[in-house]
Amino acid sequence: MAEPEARTTAKAGERPGPGRFVCIDCGREVRIGSTDEDLVRCPTCACEMYNCFPMTHIRPDIKTPEDVMHPPERKSKAE
């Protein structure tokens, strides 16, 4: 089963989480910054389908909410 971050499309009314969503009809971009926000119909053309560009972590070692609060120590490049 695919990870939630691997989704490529989302529909209006869903809560896809933070990220950028580009309307498949007109290309208008909608941004969501919270996991509590619903994806709305496209404000330009009322389309309900979007291509997803989910927010990703910059550091690959941050994988859980606990990691965000207490990030793992970075390994030195000399090792």
N, C-alpha and C. Protein backbone atom coordinates (compact mmCIF):
# COMPACT_ATOMS: atom_id res chain seq x y z
N MET A 1 0.83 -1.18 0.00
CA MET A 1 0.00 0.00 0.00
C MET A 1 0.88 1.25 0.00
N ALA A 2 0.49 2.26 -0.75
CA ALA A 2 1.30 3.47 -0.87
C ALA A 2 1.22 4.31 0.39
N GLU A 3 2.30 5.02 0.65
CA GLU A 3 2.32 5.95 1.76
C GLU A 3 1.40 7.12 1.44
N PRO A 4 0.82 7.81 2.45
CA PRO A 4 -0.04 8.95 2.17
C PRO A 4 0.67 10.03 1.38
N GLU A 5 1.98 10.22 1.59
CA GLU A 5 2.72 11.24 0.87
C GLU A 5 2.83 10.93 -0.62
N ALA A 6 2.59 9.68 -1.01
CA ALA A 6 2.76 9.27 -2.39
C ALA A 6 1.54 9.57 -3.26
N ARG A 7 0.49 10.11 -2.67
CA ARG A 7 -0.72 10.42 -3.44
C ARG A 7 -0.40 11.42 -4.54
N THR A 8 -1.02 11.22 -5.68
CA THR A 8 -0.77 12.14 -6.78
C THR A 8 -1.97 13.03 -7.07
N THR A 9 -3.17 12.68 -6.61
CA THR A 9 -4.35 13.52 -6.81
C THR A 9 -5.16 13.60 -5.52
N ALA A 10 -5.95 14.65 -5.42
CA ALA A 10 -6.86 14.83 -4.29
C ALA A 10 -8.12 15.48 -4.82
N LYS A 11 -9.23 15.25 -4.12
CA LYS A 11 -10.52 15.77 -4.53
C LYS A 11 -11.01 16.81 -3.52
N ALA A 12 -11.71 17.82 -4.01
CA ALA A 12 -12.29 18.83 -3.13
C ALA A 12 -13.15 18.14 -2.08
N GLY A 13 -13.08 18.66 -0.86
CA GLY A 13 -13.82 18.08 0.26
C GLY A 13 -12.96 17.17 1.12
N GLU A 14 -11.82 16.72 0.60
CA GLU A 14 -10.90 15.89 1.38
C GLU A 14 -10.01 16.78 2.24
N ARG A 15 -9.37 16.15 3.21
CA ARG A 15 -8.36 16.82 4.03
C ARG A 15 -7.01 16.16 3.72
N PRO A 16 -6.38 16.57 2.64
CA PRO A 16 -5.15 15.90 2.21
C PRO A 16 -3.92 16.26 3.02
N GLY A 17 -4.01 17.27 3.87
CA GLY A 17 -2.85 17.70 4.66
C GLY A 17 -2.12 18.84 3.97
N PRO A 18 -1.07 19.33 4.61
CA PRO A 18 -0.35 20.48 4.07
C PRO A 18 0.31 20.20 2.73
N GLY A 19 0.31 21.21 1.88
CA GLY A 19 0.98 21.08 0.59
C GLY A 19 0.42 22.03 -0.44
N ARG A 20 0.87 21.83 -1.68
CA ARG A 20 0.39 22.60 -2.82
C ARG A 20 -0.50 21.69 -3.65
N PHE A 21 -1.59 22.23 -4.16
CA PHE A 21 -2.53 21.46 -4.97
C PHE A 21 -2.83 22.28 -6.21
N VAL A 22 -2.61 21.65 -7.38
CA VAL A 22 -2.77 22.35 -8.66
C VAL A 22 -3.97 21.76 -9.38
N CYS A 23 -4.92 22.64 -9.74
CA CYS A 23 -6.14 22.22 -10.44
C CYS A 23 -5.78 21.52 -11.73
N ILE A 24 -6.41 20.36 -11.97
CA ILE A 24 -6.09 19.61 -13.19
C ILE A 24 -6.69 20.24 -14.44
N ASP A 25 -7.69 21.13 -14.28
CA ASP A 25 -8.30 21.78 -15.45
C ASP A 25 -7.63 23.09 -15.84
N CYS A 26 -7.46 24.00 -14.86
CA CYS A 26 -6.95 25.33 -15.22
C CYS A 26 -5.55 25.63 -14.70
N GLY A 27 -5.03 24.80 -13.82
CA GLY A 27 -3.67 25.00 -13.32
C GLY A 27 -3.55 25.93 -12.14
N ARG A 28 -4.67 26.41 -11.61
CA ARG A 28 -4.61 27.29 -10.44
C ARG A 28 -4.07 26.53 -9.24
N GLU A 29 -3.20 27.17 -8.48
CA GLU A 29 -2.60 26.53 -7.31
C GLU A 29 -3.33 26.96 -6.04
N VAL A 30 -3.63 25.97 -5.21
CA VAL A 30 -4.22 26.20 -3.89
C VAL A 30 -3.23 25.64 -2.89
N ARG A 31 -2.97 26.40 -1.82
CA ARG A 31 -2.05 25.93 -0.78
C ARG A 31 -2.82 25.66 0.50
N ILE A 32 -2.45 24.58 1.16
CA ILE A 32 -3.02 24.22 2.45
C ILE A 32 -1.86 24.13 3.43
N GLY A 33 -2.02 24.77 4.59
CA GLY A 33 -0.96 24.78 5.57
C GLY A 33 -1.26 23.98 6.82
N SER A 34 -2.44 23.35 6.88
CA SER A 34 -2.85 22.65 8.09
C SER A 34 -3.49 21.32 7.74
N THR A 35 -3.42 20.38 8.67
CA THR A 35 -4.08 19.09 8.46
C THR A 35 -5.58 19.19 8.68
N ASP A 36 -6.05 20.32 9.24
CA ASP A 36 -7.48 20.51 9.52
C ASP A 36 -8.24 21.18 8.39
N GLU A 37 -7.54 21.67 7.36
CA GLU A 37 -8.20 22.38 6.27
C GLU A 37 -8.72 21.43 5.21
N ASP A 38 -9.95 21.70 4.75
CA ASP A 38 -10.53 20.95 3.64
C ASP A 38 -10.04 21.56 2.33
N LEU A 39 -9.84 20.72 1.34
CA LEU A 39 -9.51 21.18 0.00
C LEU A 39 -10.82 21.68 -0.63
N VAL A 40 -10.81 22.90 -1.13
CA VAL A 40 -12.02 23.50 -1.72
C VAL A 40 -12.03 23.31 -3.22
N ARG A 41 -13.20 23.50 -3.82
CA ARG A 41 -13.27 23.52 -5.29
C ARG A 41 -12.39 24.65 -5.80
N CYS A 42 -11.88 24.47 -7.00
CA CYS A 42 -11.02 25.49 -7.58
C CYS A 42 -11.76 26.84 -7.64
N PRO A 43 -11.16 27.89 -7.08
CA PRO A 43 -11.83 29.20 -7.10
C PRO A 43 -11.99 29.79 -8.50
N THR A 44 -11.22 29.30 -9.47
CA THR A 44 -11.28 29.82 -10.83
C THR A 44 -12.31 29.09 -11.69
N CYS A 45 -12.28 27.73 -11.67
CA CYS A 45 -13.13 26.99 -12.61
C CYS A 45 -14.07 25.99 -11.93
N ALA A 46 -14.06 25.89 -10.61
CA ALA A 46 -14.92 25.00 -9.83
C ALA A 46 -14.61 23.51 -10.01
N CYS A 47 -13.47 23.20 -10.60
CA CYS A 47 -13.04 21.80 -10.72
C CYS A 47 -12.82 21.24 -9.33
N GLU A 48 -12.99 19.93 -9.16
CA GLU A 48 -12.83 19.30 -7.86
C GLU A 48 -11.56 18.45 -7.76
N MET A 49 -10.79 18.29 -8.82
CA MET A 49 -9.61 17.43 -8.79
C MET A 49 -8.33 18.25 -8.88
N TYR A 50 -7.36 17.84 -8.07
CA TYR A 50 -6.07 18.53 -8.01
C TYR A 50 -4.93 17.52 -8.09
N ASN A 51 -3.82 17.96 -8.67
CA ASN A 51 -2.57 17.22 -8.56
C ASN A 51 -1.94 17.65 -7.25
N CYS A 52 -1.39 16.69 -6.50
CA CYS A 52 -0.85 16.95 -5.17
C CYS A 52 0.66 17.13 -5.21
N PHE A 53 1.11 18.08 -4.43
CA PHE A 53 2.52 18.30 -4.16
C PHE A 53 2.63 18.46 -2.65
N PRO A 54 2.62 17.32 -1.92
CA PRO A 54 2.59 17.40 -0.45
C PRO A 54 3.84 18.04 0.12
N MET A 55 3.65 18.66 1.28
CA MET A 55 4.78 19.23 2.00
C MET A 55 5.65 18.08 2.48
N THR A 56 6.93 18.20 2.25
CA THR A 56 7.84 17.13 2.66
C THR A 56 8.85 17.68 3.65
N HIS A 57 9.47 16.80 4.37
CA HIS A 57 10.47 17.20 5.33
C HIS A 57 11.78 17.47 4.62
N ILE A 58 12.50 18.45 5.12
CA ILE A 58 13.81 18.76 4.56
C ILE A 58 14.81 17.70 4.99
N ARG A 59 14.71 17.29 6.25
CA ARG A 59 15.64 16.28 6.77
C ARG A 59 15.01 14.90 6.66
N PRO A 60 15.64 13.95 6.02
CA PRO A 60 15.06 12.62 5.88
C PRO A 60 14.98 11.85 7.20
N ASP A 61 15.72 12.29 8.23
CA ASP A 61 15.67 11.57 9.50
C ASP A 61 14.53 12.05 10.41
N ILE A 62 13.76 13.04 9.99
CA ILE A 62 12.60 13.51 10.75
C ILE A 62 11.38 12.80 10.16
N LYS A 63 10.87 11.82 10.90
CA LYS A 63 9.78 11.00 10.37
C LYS A 63 8.54 10.99 11.25
N THR A 64 8.66 11.37 12.52
CA THR A 64 7.52 11.31 13.43
C THR A 64 7.36 12.65 14.14
N PRO A 65 6.19 12.90 14.73
CA PRO A 65 6.04 14.14 15.51
C PRO A 65 7.05 14.24 16.65
N GLU A 66 7.42 13.10 17.22
CA GLU A 66 8.42 13.11 18.30
C GLU A 66 9.78 13.57 17.78
N ASP A 67 10.11 13.18 16.55
CA ASP A 67 11.38 13.61 15.95
C ASP A 67 11.41 15.13 15.77
N VAL A 68 10.26 15.73 15.48
CA VAL A 68 10.19 17.17 15.30
C VAL A 68 10.48 17.87 16.62
N MET A 69 9.90 17.34 17.69
CA MET A 69 10.09 17.95 19.01
C MET A 69 11.50 17.69 19.55
N HIS A 70 12.07 16.54 19.24
CA HIS A 70 13.40 16.15 19.71
C HIS A 70 14.18 15.57 18.52
N PRO A 71 14.66 16.42 17.63
CA PRO A 71 15.31 15.91 16.41
C PRO A 71 16.54 15.08 16.72
N PRO A 72 16.75 14.03 15.93
CA PRO A 72 17.97 13.23 16.10
C PRO A 72 19.19 14.12 15.84
N GLU A 73 20.28 13.81 16.52
CA GLU A 73 21.50 14.57 16.30
C GLU A 73 22.02 14.31 14.89
N ARG A 74 22.51 15.35 14.28
CA ARG A 74 23.08 15.20 12.93
C ARG A 74 24.42 14.50 13.03
N LYS A 75 24.66 13.63 12.09
CA LYS A 75 25.95 12.95 12.03
C LYS A 75 26.93 13.86 11.31
N SER A 76 28.15 13.87 11.79
CA SER A 76 29.14 14.72 11.13
C SER A 76 29.53 14.08 9.80
N LYS A 77 29.92 14.91 8.85
CA LYS A 77 30.27 14.42 7.53
C LYS A 77 31.59 13.67 7.53
N ALA A 78 32.39 13.83 8.59
CA ALA A 78 33.68 13.15 8.68
C ALA A 78 33.52 11.66 8.96
N GLU A 79 32.36 11.27 9.50
CA GLU A 79 32.15 9.86 9.85
C GLU A 79 31.89 9.01 8.65
